[in-house]
Amino acid sequence: MLFIHRNTLMYRLKKIENICRVSSEEPREMIALHLAILRAILAAPPGRDPQNREKPAENG
């Protein structure tokens, strides 16, 4: 369950649509977006959060 207001959810979805240039009205576009997100998550190196935009810490 999401613990955010409905208007907040709608705002965020519209923001995603604008940034990614997709329409929530088009199922194929939404599937493509979903698969792209899954690919990014699965392609992330182990131990690295794919949503973390900071550079990984250097060892040494």
C-alpha atoms as a PDB file:
ATOM      1  CA  MET A   1       0.000   0.000   0.000  1.00  0.00           C
ATOM      2  CA  LEU A   2       1.250   3.457  -0.835  1.00  0.00           C
ATOM      3  CA  PHE A   3       1.026   5.987   1.954  1.00  0.00           C
ATOM      4  CA  ILE A   4       0.805   9.077  -0.221  1.00  0.00           C
ATOM      5  CA  HIS A   5      -2.107  11.269  -1.226  1.00  0.00           C
ATOM      6  CA  ARG A   6      -3.828  10.495  -4.523  1.00  0.00           C
ATOM      7  CA  ASN A   7      -2.886  13.919  -5.912  1.00  0.00           C
ATOM      8  CA  THR A   8       0.773  13.271  -5.059  1.00  0.00           C
ATOM      9  CA  LEU A   9       0.664   9.979  -6.956  1.00  0.00           C
ATOM     10  CA  MET A  10      -0.966  11.599  -9.992  1.00  0.00           C
ATOM     11  CA  TYR A  11       1.593  14.430  -9.944  1.00  0.00           C
ATOM     12  CA  ARG A  12       4.488  11.971  -9.835  1.00  0.00           C
ATOM     13  CA  LEU A  13       3.048   9.835 -12.627  1.00  0.00           C
ATOM     14  CA  LYS A  14       2.614  12.904 -14.854  1.00  0.00           C
ATOM     15  CA  LYS A  15       6.179  13.950 -14.047  1.00  0.00           C
ATOM     16  CA  ILE A  16       7.447  10.501 -15.092  1.00  0.00           C
ATOM     17  CA  GLU A  17       5.420  10.748 -18.309  1.00  0.00           C
ATOM     18  CA  ASN A  18       6.969  14.123 -19.128  1.00  0.00           C
ATOM     19  CA  ILE A  19      10.548  13.107 -18.324  1.00  0.00           C
ATOM     20  CA  CYS A  20      10.362   9.758 -20.143  1.00  0.00           C
ATOM     21  CA  ARG A  21       8.140  11.050 -22.949  1.00  0.00           C
ATOM     22  CA  VAL A  22       5.620   8.235 -22.564  1.00  0.00           C
ATOM     23  CA  SER A  23       1.866   8.201 -22.171  1.00  0.00           C
ATOM     24  CA  SER A  24       0.096   6.225 -19.481  1.00  0.00           C
ATOM     25  CA  GLU A  25      -2.730   5.869 -22.000  1.00  0.00           C
ATOM     26  CA  GLU A  26      -0.521   3.683 -24.232  1.00  0.00           C
ATOM     27  CA  PRO A  27      -0.026   0.180 -22.801  1.00  0.00           C
ATOM     28  CA  ARG A  28       2.952  -0.592 -25.071  1.00  0.00           C
ATOM     29  CA  GLU A  29       4.784   2.507 -23.891  1.00  0.00           C
ATOM     30  CA  MET A  30       4.156   1.632 -20.258  1.00  0.00           C
ATOM     31  CA  ILE A  31       5.387  -1.939 -20.776  1.00  0.00           C
ATOM     32  CA  ALA A  32       8.515  -0.629 -22.499  1.00  0.00           C
ATOM     33  CA  LEU A  33       9.131   1.788 -19.607  1.00  0.00           C
ATOM     34  CA  HIS A  34       8.600  -0.980 -17.054  1.00  0.00           C
ATOM     35  CA  LEU A  35      11.023  -3.294 -18.858  1.00  0.00           C
ATOM     36  CA  ALA A  36      13.631  -0.520 -19.117  1.00  0.00           C
ATOM     37  CA  ILE A  37      13.414   0.075 -15.366  1.00  0.00           C
ATOM     38  CA  LEU A  38      13.733  -3.647 -14.650  1.00  0.00           C
ATOM     39  CA  ARG A  39      16.742  -3.851 -16.963  1.00  0.00           C
ATOM     40  CA  ALA A  40      18.444  -0.992 -15.120  1.00  0.00           C
ATOM     41  CA  ILE A  41      17.793  -2.661 -11.779  1.00  0.00           C
ATOM     42  CA  LEU A  42      19.083  -6.042 -12.951  1.00  0.00           C
ATOM     43  CA  ALA A  43      22.132  -4.517 -14.665  1.00  0.00           C
ATOM     44  CA  ALA A  44      23.267  -2.679 -11.519  1.00  0.00           C
ATOM     45  CA  PRO A  45      26.402  -4.141  -9.963  1.00  0.00           C
ATOM     46  CA  PRO A  46      25.805  -6.219  -6.822  1.00  0.00           C
ATOM     47  CA  GLY A  47      25.586  -4.080  -3.717  1.00  0.00           C
ATOM     48  CA  ARG A  48      24.823  -0.913  -5.664  1.00  0.00           C
ATOM     49  CA  ASP A  49      21.441   0.712  -5.510  1.00  0.00           C
ATOM     50  CA  PRO A  50      20.412   1.509  -9.121  1.00  0.00           C
ATOM     51  CA  GLN A  51      18.483   4.545  -7.903  1.00  0.00           C
ATOM     52  CA  ASN A  52      21.531   6.006  -6.165  1.00  0.00           C
ATOM     53  CA  ARG A  53      22.932   8.610  -8.546  1.00  0.00           C
ATOM     54  CA  GLU A  54      26.073   9.239  -6.542  1.00  0.00           C
ATOM     55  CA  LYS A  55      29.355   7.811  -7.735  1.00  0.00           C
ATOM     56  CA  PRO A  56      30.269   4.538  -5.984  1.00  0.00           C
ATOM     57  CA  ALA A  57      32.941   4.777  -3.312  1.00  0.00           C
ATOM     58  CA  GLU A  58      36.416   3.933  -4.519  1.00  0.00           C
ATOM     59  CA  ASN A  59      38.239   1.109  -2.791  1.00  0.00           C
ATOM     60  CA  GLY A  60      41.762   1.801  -1.733  1.00  0.00           C
END
